[in-house]
Amino acid sequence: MNKKGLDEMQLQKRNSIGYQAFLMLLYLLMLDAGLYGFGFRWISYPANVMIILSLCAGIYVIRLIAANAFAGPS
């Protein structure tokens, strides 16, 4: 049932961090789209989305490692 070897606290922490990272990604993309609509372009189109996505994914992984929710207890 638990293939990753994470205990219940680690699973809840991982899910919480994942939801927060997803919301941060959503808000940053909406902010970027709003600024793009007002004429503010900081980087051309495909690069801005990739930078925001990479930033959010990096923050997600760093927070998982810091919260000890990346690998199960051995």
N, C-alpha and C. Protein backbone atom coordinates (compact mmCIF):
# COMPACT_ATOMS: atom_id res chain seq x y z
N MET A 1 0.82 -1.19 0.00
CA MET A 1 0.00 0.00 0.00
C MET A 1 0.86 1.26 0.00
N ASN A 2 1.85 1.32 0.89
CA ASN A 2 2.73 2.48 0.97
C ASN A 2 4.03 2.16 0.24
N LYS A 3 4.08 2.44 -1.04
CA LYS A 3 5.21 2.02 -1.87
C LYS A 3 6.45 2.89 -1.66
N LYS A 4 6.28 4.12 -1.23
CA LYS A 4 7.41 5.03 -1.08
C LYS A 4 8.14 4.84 0.25
N GLY A 5 7.52 4.20 1.20
CA GLY A 5 8.14 4.02 2.49
C GLY A 5 8.05 5.23 3.38
N LEU A 6 7.18 6.19 3.07
CA LEU A 6 7.02 7.38 3.90
C LEU A 6 5.99 7.09 4.98
N ASP A 7 6.22 7.64 6.17
CA ASP A 7 5.21 7.48 7.21
C ASP A 7 4.10 8.52 7.01
N GLU A 8 3.09 8.45 7.85
CA GLU A 8 1.90 9.30 7.66
C GLU A 8 2.23 10.78 7.79
N MET A 9 3.08 11.14 8.73
CA MET A 9 3.45 12.55 8.91
C MET A 9 4.18 13.07 7.67
N GLN A 10 5.08 12.25 7.12
CA GLN A 10 5.81 12.67 5.93
C GLN A 10 4.88 12.82 4.74
N LEU A 11 3.91 11.93 4.62
CA LEU A 11 2.94 12.03 3.52
C LEU A 11 2.12 13.30 3.63
N GLN A 12 1.66 13.62 4.83
CA GLN A 12 0.86 14.83 5.02
C GLN A 12 1.70 16.08 4.77
N LYS A 13 2.94 16.08 5.20
CA LYS A 13 3.83 17.23 4.98
C LYS A 13 4.12 17.39 3.49
N ARG A 14 4.37 16.26 2.79
CA ARG A 14 4.62 16.31 1.35
C ARG A 14 3.42 16.85 0.60
N ASN A 15 2.23 16.39 0.98
CA ASN A 15 1.01 16.88 0.33
C ASN A 15 0.79 18.36 0.59
N SER A 16 1.03 18.79 1.83
CA SER A 16 0.86 20.20 2.17
C SER A 16 1.82 21.08 1.37
N ILE A 17 3.07 20.67 1.30
CA ILE A 17 4.06 21.44 0.54
C ILE A 17 3.71 21.43 -0.95
N GLY A 18 3.22 20.31 -1.45
CA GLY A 18 2.83 20.22 -2.85
C GLY A 18 1.67 21.14 -3.19
N TYR A 19 0.67 21.20 -2.32
CA TYR A 19 -0.46 22.11 -2.55
C TYR A 19 -0.01 23.56 -2.54
N GLN A 20 0.86 23.90 -1.59
CA GLN A 20 1.36 25.27 -1.52
C GLN A 20 2.19 25.63 -2.74
N ALA A 21 3.00 24.70 -3.22
CA ALA A 21 3.82 24.95 -4.41
C ALA A 21 2.93 25.12 -5.64
N PHE A 22 1.88 24.31 -5.73
CA PHE A 22 0.96 24.44 -6.86
C PHE A 22 0.25 25.79 -6.85
N LEU A 23 -0.20 26.23 -5.67
CA LEU A 23 -0.85 27.53 -5.58
C LEU A 23 0.12 28.66 -5.90
N MET A 24 1.38 28.54 -5.45
CA MET A 24 2.37 29.55 -5.79
C MET A 24 2.60 29.60 -7.29
N LEU A 25 2.66 28.43 -7.93
CA LEU A 25 2.81 28.37 -9.38
C LEU A 25 1.63 29.03 -10.08
N LEU A 26 0.43 28.73 -9.62
CA LEU A 26 -0.77 29.30 -10.21
C LEU A 26 -0.78 30.83 -10.08
N TYR A 27 -0.48 31.33 -8.87
CA TYR A 27 -0.48 32.77 -8.65
C TYR A 27 0.61 33.48 -9.46
N LEU A 28 1.79 32.88 -9.55
CA LEU A 28 2.86 33.51 -10.33
C LEU A 28 2.54 33.53 -11.81
N LEU A 29 1.93 32.46 -12.32
CA LEU A 29 1.54 32.46 -13.73
C LEU A 29 0.44 33.46 -14.01
N MET A 30 -0.51 33.59 -13.07
CA MET A 30 -1.57 34.59 -13.25
C MET A 30 -1.01 36.01 -13.18
N LEU A 31 -0.08 36.24 -12.27
CA LEU A 31 0.57 37.54 -12.18
C LEU A 31 1.34 37.85 -13.46
N ASP A 32 2.05 36.86 -13.97
CA ASP A 32 2.80 37.04 -15.21
C ASP A 32 1.86 37.34 -16.37
N ALA A 33 0.74 36.63 -16.44
CA ALA A 33 -0.22 36.88 -17.51
C ALA A 33 -0.84 38.27 -17.38
N GLY A 34 -1.13 38.68 -16.16
CA GLY A 34 -1.67 40.02 -15.95
C GLY A 34 -0.68 41.11 -16.34
N LEU A 35 0.58 40.95 -15.95
CA LEU A 35 1.60 41.92 -16.34
C LEU A 35 1.82 41.92 -17.84
N TYR A 36 1.73 40.74 -18.45
CA TYR A 36 1.88 40.65 -19.90
C TYR A 36 0.73 41.38 -20.59
N GLY A 37 -0.46 41.31 -20.02
CA GLY A 37 -1.61 42.02 -20.58
C GLY A 37 -1.47 43.53 -20.46
N PHE A 38 -0.78 44.01 -19.44
CA PHE A 38 -0.55 45.44 -19.28
C PHE A 38 0.66 45.93 -20.06
N GLY A 39 1.33 45.03 -20.76
CA GLY A 39 2.45 45.43 -21.60
C GLY A 39 3.81 45.27 -20.98
N PHE A 40 3.89 44.71 -19.79
CA PHE A 40 5.19 44.50 -19.14
C PHE A 40 5.69 43.11 -19.52
N ARG A 41 6.79 43.08 -20.27
CA ARG A 41 7.37 41.82 -20.71
C ARG A 41 8.80 41.72 -20.20
N TRP A 42 9.04 40.86 -19.23
CA TRP A 42 10.37 40.74 -18.65
C TRP A 42 11.22 39.74 -19.41
N ILE A 43 10.61 38.72 -19.99
CA ILE A 43 11.29 37.74 -20.84
C ILE A 43 10.27 37.30 -21.88
N SER A 44 10.73 36.87 -23.04
CA SER A 44 9.80 36.44 -24.09
C SER A 44 8.99 35.23 -23.63
N TYR A 45 7.91 34.94 -24.35
CA TYR A 45 6.85 34.04 -23.90
C TYR A 45 7.28 32.66 -23.41
N PRO A 46 7.91 31.81 -24.17
CA PRO A 46 8.09 30.47 -23.58
C PRO A 46 9.08 30.46 -22.42
N ALA A 47 10.01 31.37 -22.43
CA ALA A 47 11.04 31.38 -21.37
C ALA A 47 10.45 31.80 -20.03
N ASN A 48 9.50 32.73 -20.01
CA ASN A 48 8.96 33.19 -18.74
C ASN A 48 8.20 32.08 -18.02
N VAL A 49 7.45 31.28 -18.75
CA VAL A 49 6.72 30.17 -18.13
C VAL A 49 7.69 29.11 -17.62
N MET A 50 8.72 28.82 -18.38
CA MET A 50 9.69 27.81 -17.97
C MET A 50 10.47 28.27 -16.73
N ILE A 51 10.79 29.54 -16.64
CA ILE A 51 11.51 30.05 -15.47
C ILE A 51 10.62 29.98 -14.24
N ILE A 52 9.36 30.37 -14.37
CA ILE A 52 8.44 30.31 -13.24
C ILE A 52 8.24 28.86 -12.81
N LEU A 53 8.07 27.95 -13.76
CA LEU A 53 7.87 26.54 -13.45
C LEU A 53 9.11 25.95 -12.77
N SER A 54 10.29 26.28 -13.28
CA SER A 54 11.53 25.78 -12.67
C SER A 54 11.73 26.34 -11.27
N LEU A 55 11.40 27.59 -11.06
CA LEU A 55 11.52 28.21 -9.76
C LEU A 55 10.61 27.52 -8.74
N CYS A 56 9.36 27.30 -9.12
CA CYS A 56 8.42 26.66 -8.20
C CYS A 56 8.81 25.20 -7.93
N ALA A 57 9.28 24.49 -8.94
CA ALA A 57 9.71 23.11 -8.74
C ALA A 57 10.94 23.05 -7.84
N GLY A 58 11.86 23.98 -8.00
CA GLY A 58 13.03 24.03 -7.13
C GLY A 58 12.68 24.32 -5.69
N ILE A 59 11.77 25.26 -5.48
CA ILE A 59 11.32 25.57 -4.13
C ILE A 59 10.62 24.37 -3.51
N TYR A 60 9.83 23.66 -4.32
CA TYR A 60 9.13 22.46 -3.85
C TYR A 60 10.13 21.41 -3.37
N VAL A 61 11.14 21.13 -4.16
CA VAL A 61 12.12 20.10 -3.80
C VAL A 61 12.94 20.52 -2.58
N ILE A 62 13.34 21.77 -2.52
CA ILE A 62 14.11 22.25 -1.38
C ILE A 62 13.29 22.16 -0.09
N ARG A 63 12.02 22.53 -0.17
CA ARG A 63 11.16 22.44 1.02
C ARG A 63 10.91 20.99 1.42
N LEU A 64 10.78 20.08 0.44
CA LEU A 64 10.61 18.67 0.77
C LEU A 64 11.83 18.12 1.51
N ILE A 65 13.00 18.46 1.03
CA ILE A 65 14.23 17.99 1.67
C ILE A 65 14.37 18.59 3.06
N ALA A 66 14.07 19.89 3.19
CA ALA A 66 14.19 20.56 4.49
C ALA A 66 13.19 20.00 5.50
N ALA A 67 12.02 19.57 5.03
CA ALA A 67 11.00 19.04 5.94
C ALA A 67 11.16 17.54 6.17
N ASN A 68 12.19 16.93 5.60
CA ASN A 68 12.47 15.50 5.74
C ASN A 68 11.28 14.66 5.23
N ALA A 69 10.69 15.10 4.12
CA ALA A 69 9.56 14.38 3.54
C ALA A 69 9.89 13.89 2.13
N PHE A 70 11.17 13.76 1.83
CA PHE A 70 11.60 13.37 0.49
C PHE A 70 11.86 11.86 0.42
N ALA A 71 12.46 11.32 1.44
CA ALA A 71 12.77 9.89 1.47
C ALA A 71 12.24 9.29 2.76
N GLY A 72 11.82 8.06 2.67
CA GLY A 72 11.26 7.39 3.83
C GLY A 72 12.33 7.02 4.85
N PRO A 73 11.89 6.70 6.06
CA PRO A 73 12.86 6.28 7.08
C PRO A 73 13.45 4.92 6.72
N SER A 74 14.72 4.78 6.95
CA SER A 74 15.36 3.49 6.60
C SER A 74 15.90 2.78 7.82
